[in-house]
Structure formats: structure tokens, C-alpha cells
Amino acid sequence: MVVINRTRSVTINPPKMCQPIGAIWASLGVHASVPLVHGSQGCSTYPRNLMCRHFREPVEVAITSLHEKATIFGGAPNLKQALTHIIKRQHPKLITVITTCLSETTGDDIHGIVKSFKAENPVYDDSTKIVTINTPSYVGTHVLGYDNAIKAMVSQLSEKTEPNGKINIIPGMLNPGDVLEVKHMLKEMGVEAIYLTDISRTLNAPLRLPKPHFPEGGTTTEEIADSANSLGTITLCKHEGQSGANVLKDKYGMPAFLGELPIGVEATEAFLGNVTQMTGKKMPESLRDERDLLVDAMVDASQLTFGVKVAIFGDPDIVLGLTRFAYELGMKPLHVLTTLENPQFAKDMQALDTDYGADAEKQNIIVGGDLYDLSQKIKETPVDLIIGDYKGKYISKDEGIPLVRVGFPQADRFGYQRKRMIGYRGSLDLLDTMVNTIMDRKDD
């Protein structure tokens, strides 16, 4: 296996987004919340456009609309005015103030500005919480933005009171369908959880008239405060929740399991094992049935999946989870790529490859790369299947290799946000999609 780190200063077709998008995602998982982006107008337009196309839901994002004057003299007046308008007009339970590359570069102290706003507004009461989140867009990706947002929320809102007997789940940037699958598994085990945060209803809401002021569902600010009293914290995507889990661990002494995304048999068992270790609740027969159905399908599909060469790209946790599942299916992941420039990803991938004895053929682990890197590696060593988000369609068309769409964003598909890929049932759905794609290619 070869680890390839980014060497070019120019990025070509990157499968990544800026930090504020991850922070907006986390904010929209809180009931009656308004993400307030402290930047120029495009900093809210692009995330709203992208998320609306993926979730097929209205996505409301406020903006402080910084222009030339605010850029030179500071954006405090814009931020205070925006807070005033949002509180008066929308009466939210939570406002998350999210910085951008512009406000970070000009050096706006959002924590100080919010503190000053509260002092200058005697009418402001604590019914609207304000959380400040630093997300400079020129550092990291949306993955880091989500991680920073969860860290900020639990740091600024959690409060130690009485034990609640629940566990904290940090889902990461997964679809509403995946969050519902986690809820299904925990319900089967009889475990109550606080989700940090929960988009399963806020970004997949039923149409009801009259339209509610805010979508139903989402984690309440009271639940975030109560997360300090849980038995422990489990992150499904360790790159998108480890900072928040570690804050709760260090501040309140609760255990934190930084898990691998539960795709396939082994990773799902590991997740359920962590739940058992934390709560004492064992896996019921109903989940064992789901597991055995998945194993049965994997055996049935083995003649079609064994030896299939794949290229996988996307967010680090999704790539790791998909690669493990590909190995379980007897596939050969020849090229894996993530844009996160984190050496830990390469170590995790190398450990995974070693577990499955993947040295038989050369594998490229591309860290901090872009889709141009991936396309060049595919030209050198072709694959049978590409797994990633919709931006992979250009490589797919150029090289004549089918694409299985997994991850965020999926801007050219309808209903993807309802799909699931985690847990036994989600893995079964993903297996069906992959096998049918392979069968279609054989027919061609």
C-alpha cells in the first residue's frame, strides 16, 4: 500500500466543502435553532443551495451580510443587529454564531461581541441561547466544522445536575435515514439516548399545514444541557465528534467511545458492543435476525462481489466504513481518497488493510487529495466500481466505470436523504445497490 499526501498547490475538483457547512448542519439538528453565519452573503447562499438540493427541504440560514465598511471597521454592528432581528422575529431557542474566512481574517471577536450584545440588551432573556462557533473556512473542511460545532455546543450549554441514565450519540454528517436507523437499533435494545444533534426530522419533515414556525424534532437545548449527566458518549464518526466527546469526558469524567462508522457486520457489532458496555443492555434477538439476514445476503452476493476492484472517496469516516465493508464482501479497494489532511486517517486505513491482508495488490491511500488525483490513479490502475458522492460522476462517465452514490452531497438524485447505509439493515440496502450496479455492468 502507498500513502500519497497532497503535493500540488492547486486543487482540481475537490470533494470537500468549507467549515461553516458542517457547523450549519450540526445547528440544524437542534430544535428551533437558527444558524447565523457571520460573513458575506455568499457564505449563506452556497450552503443553503447545496443543502436544499441534497435534503429537498427548505434550509434557513441567517447572515450578517458583511460588506466593505464592516470588513474595514469590524462586523460587530452587523452581528448585533442580526441577533436583534432574529430574536424579535423568530423567537428561536438557539442561535449559533458561525464565523467565516472573512470574519476570521478581519479578527472579529464573536464571543466578546455576543457578551456585549447581552449586556446592552436588558430585554434579552435566556430563553434564546447563543452559541459561538469558530469555523475559519481556510482551515480544514466541513468535517472539522461539524466537529467544532458539537464541541462548542456541549462546552457552552452542558450542565451537570442529576444522572439521566441515557447515552449521548454524536451521529456526524449522516443522512436522516441513518439517524433513524440508529434510533431503531437503540429502541430494540431498550436504550434512551441524547443525539448531538438530530436532523432526522428537521431535515426530513412531513408536510403539514399550517406550516410550523420551526420544523418538529431536533435535539432540544435542554437535552444538550442534560448531556453532561449521561452514562457516556459514542461517536459514530470520530472525525466529526471526537472533540465534543472529549469535552464531555474531560469535564464530567464520562466515558467516550470514538467508534468506526457502523457499516457492515464487524463495525455494527462493535457499535452495539459499545452500547452494551455503556448500558449493560444486550443485543436482542430482533437485531440478531437483522445481522443474520445481512450475512445471508453477503453469502448470496459473494460470487458477484468477490474480487471486484473499487475506488472509494469522501469524508474520512465514511471512507473507512465503506472500505471495511468492501473487504467483508471480498472486494479489492485499490484507491481510497479523503480530502482531510490528517495523518491519523492513513494510519487507520493501513491498520484496516493489514487486518484484511490487503498487500496482495498495490493500494493507494490518498490523503488530502482531490478528484483529479483519484482520476489519474484510476487511469493507471482501473477499477470496476467507484463509490462516493455525485461529483464522482465525471470520472464515471470519462472512464466508463459505474458510480454508487454514497455520502454528502448528492445534488443530482431525489430521495437520497431518506436512504440508510449504517447498521445491519442499512448495510443490506447498500449491498443491494452495489450488487445491482455490478450486475448492470455485467449486462452492458
Protein backbone atom coordinates (compact mmCIF):
# COMPACT_ATOMS: atom_id res chain seq x y z
CA MET A 1 0.00 0.00 0.00
CA VAL A 2 1.17 3.51 -0.76
CA VAL A 3 0.21 6.61 1.21
CA ILE A 4 0.04 9.64 -1.10
CA ASN A 5 -0.01 13.08 0.52
CA ARG A 6 -1.01 16.23 -1.31
CA THR A 7 1.88 17.96 -3.07
CA ARG A 8 0.20 20.32 -5.56
CA SER A 9 -0.69 23.86 -4.51
CA VAL A 10 -3.58 23.83 -6.97
CA THR A 11 -6.76 21.91 -6.17
CA ILE A 12 -8.77 20.38 -9.02
CA ASN A 13 -12.36 19.24 -8.41
CA PRO A 14 -12.14 18.81 -4.62
CA PRO A 15 -14.78 16.61 -2.92
CA LYS A 16 -14.92 18.83 0.14
CA MET A 17 -16.71 21.89 1.49
CA CYS A 18 -15.89 24.68 3.91
CA GLN A 19 -16.14 24.55 7.71
CA PRO A 20 -19.36 26.62 8.07
CA ILE A 21 -21.34 23.97 6.18
CA GLY A 22 -20.52 21.39 8.84
CA ALA A 23 -21.43 23.86 11.60
CA ILE A 24 -24.72 24.74 9.86
CA TRP A 25 -25.53 21.02 9.56
CA ALA A 26 -24.97 20.48 13.30
CA SER A 27 -27.02 23.58 14.15
CA LEU A 28 -29.99 22.46 12.07
CA GLY A 29 -30.19 19.34 14.22
CA VAL A 30 -31.29 21.44 17.20
CA HIS A 31 -34.99 22.20 17.63
CA ALA A 32 -35.97 25.81 16.84
CA SER A 33 -32.44 26.86 16.01
CA VAL A 34 -31.18 29.49 13.60
CA PRO A 35 -27.62 29.27 12.28
CA LEU A 36 -26.26 32.80 11.88
CA VAL A 37 -23.27 33.00 9.55
CA HIS A 38 -21.01 35.96 10.27
CA GLY A 39 -19.74 36.75 6.79
CA SER A 40 -20.69 37.92 3.31
CA GLN A 41 -23.93 36.92 1.61
CA GLY A 42 -22.41 34.15 -0.45
CA CYS A 43 -21.38 32.39 2.76
CA SER A 44 -25.02 31.54 3.42
CA THR A 45 -26.25 31.23 -0.17
CA TYR A 46 -23.89 28.42 -1.13
CA PRO A 47 -24.62 26.22 1.94
CA ARG A 48 -28.37 26.77 1.60
CA ASN A 49 -28.30 25.90 -2.09
CA LEU A 50 -26.23 22.76 -1.54
CA MET A 51 -28.24 21.51 1.43
CA CYS A 52 -31.60 22.21 -0.22
CA ARG A 53 -30.55 20.14 -3.22
CA HIS A 54 -29.41 17.26 -1.00
CA PHE A 55 -32.21 17.22 1.58
CA ARG A 56 -35.02 18.55 -0.66
CA GLU A 57 -36.13 20.64 2.31
CA PRO A 58 -36.14 24.39 2.97
CA VAL A 59 -32.94 25.33 4.81
CA GLU A 60 -32.95 28.65 6.65
CA VAL A 61 -29.58 30.24 7.33
CA ALA A 62 -29.22 33.85 8.57
CA ILE A 63 -26.31 36.06 7.53
CA THR A 64 -24.73 39.21 8.95
CA SER A 65 -24.07 40.37 5.39
CA LEU A 66 -20.63 41.89 5.80
CA HIS A 67 -19.69 44.46 3.15
CA GLU A 68 -16.75 46.81 2.59
CA LYS A 69 -17.38 49.01 5.64
CA ALA A 70 -17.74 46.09 8.03
CA THR A 71 -14.68 44.43 6.55
CA ILE A 72 -12.56 47.50 7.37
CA PHE A 73 -14.10 48.67 10.64
CA GLY A 74 -15.32 45.35 12.02
CA GLY A 75 -18.60 43.46 11.87
CA ALA A 76 -19.85 43.96 15.43
CA PRO A 77 -22.75 46.28 14.45
CA ASN A 78 -23.92 43.81 11.78
CA LEU A 79 -23.77 40.89 14.20
CA LYS A 80 -25.65 42.72 16.96
CA GLN A 81 -28.30 43.91 14.52
CA ALA A 82 -28.73 40.39 13.14
CA LEU A 83 -29.14 38.93 16.65
CA THR A 84 -31.76 41.57 17.46
CA HIS A 85 -33.77 40.89 14.30
CA ILE A 86 -33.67 37.09 14.67
CA ILE A 87 -34.78 37.16 18.31
CA LYS A 88 -37.59 39.65 17.67
CA ARG A 89 -38.94 37.99 14.54
CA GLN A 90 -38.33 34.27 15.04
CA HIS A 91 -38.01 33.71 18.81
CA PRO A 92 -35.63 30.77 18.38
CA LYS A 93 -34.42 28.52 21.18
CA LEU A 94 -30.88 28.64 19.86
CA ILE A 95 -28.77 30.90 17.65
CA THR A 96 -25.40 29.58 16.56
CA VAL A 97 -23.00 32.33 15.51
CA ILE A 98 -20.71 30.79 12.87
CA THR A 99 -17.63 32.58 11.60
CA THR A 100 -16.27 32.51 8.05
CA CYS A 101 -12.91 33.16 6.43
CA LEU A 102 -13.82 36.86 6.14
CA SER A 103 -14.78 37.48 9.77
CA GLU A 104 -11.88 35.34 11.00
CA THR A 105 -9.42 37.26 8.82
CA THR A 106 -10.68 40.66 9.99
CA GLY A 107 -10.42 39.36 13.55
CA ASP A 108 -13.95 39.82 14.85
CA ASP A 109 -14.19 38.57 18.45
CA ILE A 110 -17.61 36.92 18.21
CA HIS A 111 -17.51 35.76 21.84
CA GLY A 112 -16.90 39.32 23.04
CA ILE A 113 -19.48 40.78 20.67
CA VAL A 114 -22.17 38.37 21.88
CA LYS A 115 -21.28 39.12 25.50
CA SER A 116 -21.55 42.84 24.75
CA PHE A 117 -24.89 42.29 22.96
CA LYS A 118 -26.37 40.58 26.02
CA ALA A 119 -25.16 43.36 28.32
CA GLU A 120 -26.54 46.09 26.03
CA ASN A 121 -29.97 44.46 25.69
CA PRO A 122 -31.75 44.24 29.04
CA VAL A 123 -34.75 42.70 27.25
CA TYR A 124 -32.64 39.75 26.21
CA ASP A 125 -33.53 36.73 28.28
CA ASP A 126 -32.06 33.27 28.49
CA SER A 127 -34.90 31.65 26.56
CA THR A 128 -32.77 32.09 23.44
CA LYS A 129 -29.36 30.51 23.85
CA ILE A 130 -26.49 31.87 21.79
CA VAL A 131 -23.54 29.60 20.98
CA THR A 132 -20.44 30.95 19.27
CA ILE A 133 -18.53 28.68 16.87
CA ASN A 134 -15.23 29.49 15.23
CA THR A 135 -15.09 27.93 11.75
CA PRO A 136 -12.40 29.63 9.62
CA SER A 137 -13.05 28.40 6.09
CA TYR A 138 -9.41 28.40 5.06
CA VAL A 139 -8.60 25.64 7.55
CA GLY A 140 -9.90 22.09 7.36
CA THR A 141 -13.20 21.10 5.76
CA HIS A 142 -16.88 20.68 6.62
CA VAL A 143 -15.80 17.71 8.76
CA LEU A 144 -13.86 19.98 11.11
CA GLY A 145 -16.72 22.50 11.08
CA TYR A 146 -19.17 19.88 12.35
CA ASP A 147 -16.68 18.76 14.99
CA ASN A 148 -16.13 22.35 16.14
CA ALA A 149 -19.87 22.98 16.33
CA ILE A 150 -20.59 19.97 18.57
CA LYS A 151 -17.64 20.92 20.76
CA ALA A 152 -18.94 24.49 21.10
CA MET A 153 -22.48 23.37 21.94
CA VAL A 154 -21.52 20.97 24.71
CA SER A 155 -18.86 23.34 26.04
CA GLN A 156 -21.26 26.27 26.30
CA LEU A 157 -24.59 24.58 27.11
CA SER A 158 -23.97 21.35 29.06
CA GLU A 159 -24.65 21.49 32.77
CA LYS A 160 -24.11 18.87 35.48
CA THR A 161 -27.23 18.10 37.52
CA GLU A 162 -28.73 14.61 38.09
CA PRO A 163 -27.82 11.34 36.29
CA ASN A 164 -30.28 10.63 33.47
CA GLY A 165 -29.41 7.01 32.61
CA LYS A 166 -29.09 7.88 28.90
CA ILE A 167 -26.19 7.74 26.48
CA ASN A 168 -25.02 10.51 24.16
CA ILE A 169 -24.83 9.74 20.43
CA ILE A 170 -22.92 12.06 18.08
CA PRO A 171 -24.05 10.91 14.61
CA GLY A 172 -21.79 13.04 12.44
CA MET A 173 -22.84 14.19 8.96
CA LEU A 174 -25.14 11.27 8.21
CA ASN A 175 -28.47 11.25 6.41
CA PRO A 176 -31.78 11.46 8.30
CA GLY A 177 -32.32 7.86 7.21
CA ASP A 178 -29.13 6.83 9.02
CA VAL A 179 -30.08 8.66 12.22
CA LEU A 180 -33.45 6.90 12.16
CA GLU A 181 -31.60 3.58 11.82
CA VAL A 182 -29.55 4.36 14.94
CA LYS A 183 -32.77 5.16 16.78
CA HIS A 184 -34.24 1.86 15.60
CA MET A 185 -31.28 -0.16 16.93
CA LEU A 186 -31.26 1.62 20.30
CA LYS A 187 -35.03 1.21 20.61
CA GLU A 188 -34.65 -2.53 20.03
CA MET A 189 -32.06 -2.58 22.84
CA GLY A 190 -34.23 -0.51 25.16
CA VAL A 191 -31.69 2.30 25.40
CA GLU A 192 -32.53 6.00 25.64
CA ALA A 193 -30.20 8.48 24.01
CA ILE A 194 -29.48 12.16 23.54
CA TYR A 195 -28.47 12.90 19.95
CA LEU A 196 -25.89 15.62 19.41
CA THR A 197 -27.50 16.62 17.13
CA ASP A 198 -30.57 15.13 15.39
CA ILE A 199 -31.56 16.05 11.80
CA SER A 200 -33.89 13.08 11.31
CA ARG A 201 -36.98 15.32 11.47
CA THR A 202 -35.68 18.84 10.98
CA LEU A 203 -34.26 18.00 7.53
CA ASN A 204 -36.79 15.30 6.65
CA ALA A 205 -40.03 16.77 7.92
CA PRO A 206 -43.56 15.70 6.95
CA LEU A 207 -45.63 18.31 5.09
CA ARG A 208 -48.26 19.67 7.42
CA LEU A 209 -50.37 22.79 7.12
CA PRO A 210 -50.29 25.29 8.56
CA LYS A 211 -46.52 25.16 8.32
CA PRO A 212 -44.98 25.18 11.81
CA HIS A 213 -42.74 28.07 12.76
CA PHE A 214 -39.85 25.63 13.08
CA PRO A 215 -39.71 22.00 11.92
CA GLU A 216 -40.70 19.46 14.53
CA GLY A 217 -37.99 17.32 16.00
CA GLY A 218 -34.36 18.05 16.64
CA THR A 219 -32.43 17.95 19.89
CA THR A 220 -33.64 20.49 22.42
CA THR A 221 -31.29 22.88 24.17
CA GLU A 222 -32.40 21.25 27.43
CA GLU A 223 -31.20 17.88 26.13
CA ILE A 224 -27.84 19.37 25.17
CA ALA A 225 -27.54 20.72 28.71
CA ASP A 226 -28.52 17.30 30.05
CA SER A 227 -25.78 15.57 28.00
CA ALA A 228 -23.48 16.26 30.96
CA ASN A 229 -25.48 13.74 33.02
CA SER A 230 -25.38 10.77 30.63
CA LEU A 231 -23.64 7.42 31.08
CA GLY A 232 -21.20 8.17 28.28
CA THR A 233 -20.78 9.33 24.68
CA ILE A 234 -20.49 7.33 21.46
CA THR A 235 -19.42 8.99 18.23
CA LEU A 236 -20.38 7.23 15.01
CA CYS A 237 -17.85 9.31 13.06
CA LYS A 238 -14.82 10.01 15.21
CA HIS A 239 -13.53 12.81 12.99
CA GLU A 240 -16.90 14.57 13.32
CA GLY A 241 -17.50 14.25 17.03
CA GLN A 242 -14.36 13.43 18.92
CA SER A 243 -13.81 16.96 20.21
CA GLY A 244 -17.30 17.13 21.71
CA ALA A 245 -16.98 13.65 23.20
CA ASN A 246 -13.62 14.54 24.70
CA VAL A 247 -15.01 17.75 26.23
CA LEU A 248 -17.72 15.73 28.00
CA LYS A 249 -15.12 13.16 29.03
CA ASP A 250 -12.64 15.67 30.43
CA LYS A 251 -15.24 17.96 32.02
CA TYR A 252 -17.56 15.38 33.55
CA GLY A 253 -15.49 12.18 33.62
CA MET A 254 -17.85 10.18 31.43
CA PRO A 255 -16.50 7.51 29.03
CA ALA A 256 -16.19 8.30 25.33
CA PHE A 257 -16.12 5.69 22.55
CA LEU A 258 -14.76 7.14 19.32
CA GLY A 259 -16.19 4.50 17.07
CA GLU A 260 -15.89 3.47 13.48
CA LEU A 261 -18.93 4.13 11.32
CA PRO A 262 -21.16 1.04 11.76
CA ILE A 263 -21.30 -0.19 8.16
CA GLY A 264 -21.21 -3.95 7.64
CA VAL A 265 -21.07 -6.76 10.18
CA GLU A 266 -17.96 -6.13 12.26
CA ALA A 267 -18.32 -2.36 12.69
CA THR A 268 -22.03 -2.64 13.57
CA GLU A 269 -21.24 -5.31 16.15
CA ALA A 270 -18.57 -3.03 17.60
CA PHE A 271 -21.09 -0.18 17.90
CA LEU A 272 -23.68 -2.36 19.60
CA GLY A 273 -20.94 -3.75 21.84
CA ASN A 274 -20.07 -0.23 22.96
CA VAL A 275 -23.74 0.38 23.76
CA THR A 276 -23.83 -2.83 25.79
CA GLN A 277 -20.66 -1.93 27.66
CA MET A 278 -22.05 1.50 28.49
CA THR A 279 -25.58 0.49 29.47
CA GLY A 280 -25.49 -3.23 30.31
CA LYS A 281 -28.26 -3.85 27.76
CA LYS A 282 -27.57 -6.82 25.48
CA MET A 283 -28.31 -7.21 21.79
CA PRO A 284 -31.84 -8.64 21.35
CA GLU A 285 -32.88 -11.43 19.01
CA SER A 286 -34.51 -8.94 16.64
CA LEU A 287 -31.12 -7.34 15.90
CA ARG A 288 -29.52 -10.79 15.62
CA ASP A 289 -32.11 -11.58 12.93
CA GLU A 290 -31.13 -8.41 11.07
CA ARG A 291 -27.47 -9.38 11.36
CA ASP A 292 -28.07 -12.86 10.03
CA LEU A 293 -30.13 -11.53 7.12
CA LEU A 294 -27.20 -9.31 6.17
CA VAL A 295 -24.74 -12.21 6.43
CA ASP A 296 -27.03 -14.39 4.31
CA ALA A 297 -27.21 -11.69 1.63
CA MET A 298 -23.42 -11.27 1.69
CA VAL A 299 -23.00 -15.00 1.10
CA ASP A 300 -25.57 -14.93 -1.71
CA ALA A 301 -23.76 -12.00 -3.35
CA SER A 302 -20.24 -13.31 -2.89
CA GLN A 303 -19.96 -14.66 -6.45
CA LEU A 304 -20.64 -11.18 -7.75
CA THR A 305 -18.66 -9.11 -5.23
CA PHE A 306 -15.55 -11.26 -4.73
CA GLY A 307 -12.51 -9.73 -6.40
CA VAL A 308 -14.33 -6.60 -7.60
CA LYS A 309 -11.89 -3.67 -7.71
CA VAL A 310 -13.24 -0.46 -6.20
CA ALA A 311 -12.22 3.16 -5.68
CA ILE A 312 -13.72 4.91 -2.63
CA PHE A 313 -13.68 8.62 -1.81
CA GLY A 314 -15.40 11.00 0.58
CA ASP A 315 -15.34 12.02 4.24
CA PRO A 316 -12.76 10.04 6.25
CA ASP A 317 -15.21 8.14 8.46
CA ILE A 318 -17.39 7.13 5.53
CA VAL A 319 -14.35 6.01 3.53
CA LEU A 320 -13.07 3.91 6.43
CA GLY A 321 -16.51 2.35 6.97
CA LEU A 322 -17.04 1.62 3.29
CA THR A 323 -13.55 0.15 2.91
CA ARG A 324 -14.11 -2.27 5.78
CA PHE A 325 -17.45 -3.31 4.27
CA ALA A 326 -15.81 -3.77 0.86
CA TYR A 327 -13.24 -6.09 2.44
CA GLU A 328 -16.02 -8.05 4.15
CA LEU A 329 -17.58 -8.55 0.72
CA GLY A 330 -14.33 -9.84 -0.74
CA MET A 331 -13.77 -6.71 -2.82
CA LYS A 332 -10.40 -5.06 -3.52
CA PRO A 333 -10.33 -1.36 -2.57
CA LEU A 334 -7.45 -0.24 -4.81
CA HIS A 335 -7.78 3.54 -4.37
CA VAL A 336 -9.15 5.36 -1.32
CA LEU A 337 -9.21 9.13 -1.05
CA THR A 338 -10.21 11.70 1.53
CA THR A 339 -9.58 15.42 1.48
CA LEU A 340 -8.89 15.60 5.21
CA GLU A 341 -5.18 16.22 5.71
CA ASN A 342 -4.95 14.07 8.82
CA PRO A 343 -2.13 11.51 9.20
CA GLN A 344 -4.35 9.50 11.55
CA PHE A 345 -6.58 8.61 8.60
CA ALA A 346 -3.66 6.97 6.79
CA LYS A 347 -2.73 5.04 9.95
CA ASP A 348 -6.32 3.87 10.43
CA MET A 349 -6.52 2.79 6.80
CA GLN A 350 -3.20 0.97 6.97
CA ALA A 351 -4.35 -0.86 10.09
CA LEU A 352 -7.55 -1.83 8.31
CA ASP A 353 -5.66 -3.08 5.27
CA THR A 354 -3.37 -5.11 7.48
CA ASP A 355 -6.37 -6.71 9.22
CA TYR A 356 -7.62 -7.96 5.87
CA GLY A 357 -4.21 -8.76 4.37
CA ALA A 358 -4.52 -6.24 1.56
CA ASP A 359 -0.92 -6.35 0.42
CA ALA A 360 -1.66 -8.73 -2.42
CA GLU A 361 -2.18 -5.77 -4.76
CA LYS A 362 -0.94 -2.25 -4.62
CA GLN A 363 -3.34 0.11 -2.89
CA ASN A 364 -3.22 3.90 -2.97
CA ILE A 365 -4.29 5.80 0.15
CA ILE A 366 -4.64 9.42 -0.99
CA VAL A 367 -4.71 11.88 1.94
CA GLY A 368 -5.73 15.50 1.37
CA GLY A 369 -6.16 14.90 -2.34
CA ASP A 370 -8.77 15.80 -4.92
CA LEU A 371 -10.70 14.01 -7.63
CA TYR A 372 -8.01 14.78 -10.19
CA ASP A 373 -5.64 12.65 -8.11
CA LEU A 374 -8.19 9.88 -7.99
CA SER A 375 -8.86 10.01 -11.74
CA GLN A 376 -5.14 9.72 -12.50
CA LYS A 377 -4.78 6.68 -10.25
CA ILE A 378 -7.81 5.07 -11.86
CA LYS A 379 -6.26 5.62 -15.29
CA GLU A 380 -3.09 3.87 -14.09
CA THR A 381 -4.94 1.03 -12.35
CA PRO A 382 -8.58 0.74 -13.48
CA VAL A 383 -11.34 -0.38 -11.12
CA ASP A 384 -14.75 -1.97 -11.61
CA LEU A 385 -16.71 0.33 -9.30
CA ILE A 386 -16.45 3.84 -7.83
CA ILE A 387 -18.14 4.68 -4.52
CA GLY A 388 -18.55 8.32 -3.49
CA ASP A 389 -20.69 11.41 -3.83
CA TYR A 390 -22.21 12.78 -7.04
CA LYS A 391 -19.02 14.59 -8.07
CA GLY A 392 -17.59 11.20 -8.96
CA LYS A 393 -19.93 11.05 -11.96
CA TYR A 394 -17.42 12.89 -14.12
CA ILE A 395 -14.78 10.21 -13.60
CA SER A 396 -17.50 7.60 -14.00
CA LYS A 397 -18.53 8.97 -17.41
CA ASP A 398 -14.97 9.54 -18.64
CA GLU A 399 -13.73 6.10 -17.67
CA GLY A 400 -16.94 4.12 -18.20
CA ILE A 401 -16.99 2.90 -14.59
CA PRO A 402 -20.29 2.78 -12.67
CA LEU A 403 -20.70 5.03 -9.63
CA VAL A 404 -22.51 4.03 -6.43
CA ARG A 405 -23.59 7.26 -4.77
CA VAL A 406 -22.72 7.43 -1.07
CA GLY A 407 -22.06 10.46 1.13
CA PHE A 408 -22.74 14.18 1.01
CA PRO A 409 -23.66 15.89 -1.23
CA GLN A 410 -25.93 14.10 -3.68
CA ALA A 411 -27.26 17.06 -5.62
CA ASP A 412 -28.49 15.14 -8.68
CA ARG A 413 -30.62 12.49 -7.01
CA PHE A 414 -34.07 12.56 -5.44
CA GLY A 415 -34.77 10.91 -2.08
CA TYR A 416 -31.16 10.10 -1.20
CA GLN A 417 -31.54 11.79 2.20
CA ARG A 418 -34.03 9.09 3.21
CA LYS A 419 -31.64 6.25 2.44
CA ARG A 420 -29.62 4.49 5.11
CA MET A 421 -26.26 2.77 4.91
CA ILE A 422 -25.46 2.02 8.57
CA GLY A 423 -26.50 -0.79 10.84
CA TYR A 424 -27.43 -4.22 9.55
CA ARG A 425 -30.45 -3.01 7.60
CA GLY A 426 -28.65 -0.05 6.09
CA SER A 427 -25.72 -2.26 5.07
CA LEU A 428 -28.18 -4.64 3.43
CA ASP A 429 -29.67 -1.76 1.42
CA LEU A 430 -26.20 -0.62 0.40
CA LEU A 431 -25.24 -4.18 -0.57
CA ASP A 432 -28.31 -4.46 -2.80
CA THR A 433 -27.40 -1.21 -4.55
CA MET A 434 -23.79 -2.22 -5.08
CA VAL A 435 -24.62 -5.72 -6.35
CA ASN A 436 -27.30 -4.47 -8.74
CA THR A 437 -24.84 -1.90 -10.10
CA ILE A 438 -22.29 -4.67 -10.67
CA MET A 439 -24.94 -6.80 -12.41
CA ASP A 440 -25.92 -3.88 -14.65
CA ARG A 441 -22.30 -3.50 -15.71
CA LYS A 442 -22.02 -7.18 -16.49
CA ASP A 443 -25.10 -6.88 -18.73
CA ASP A 444 -23.50 -3.95 -20.56
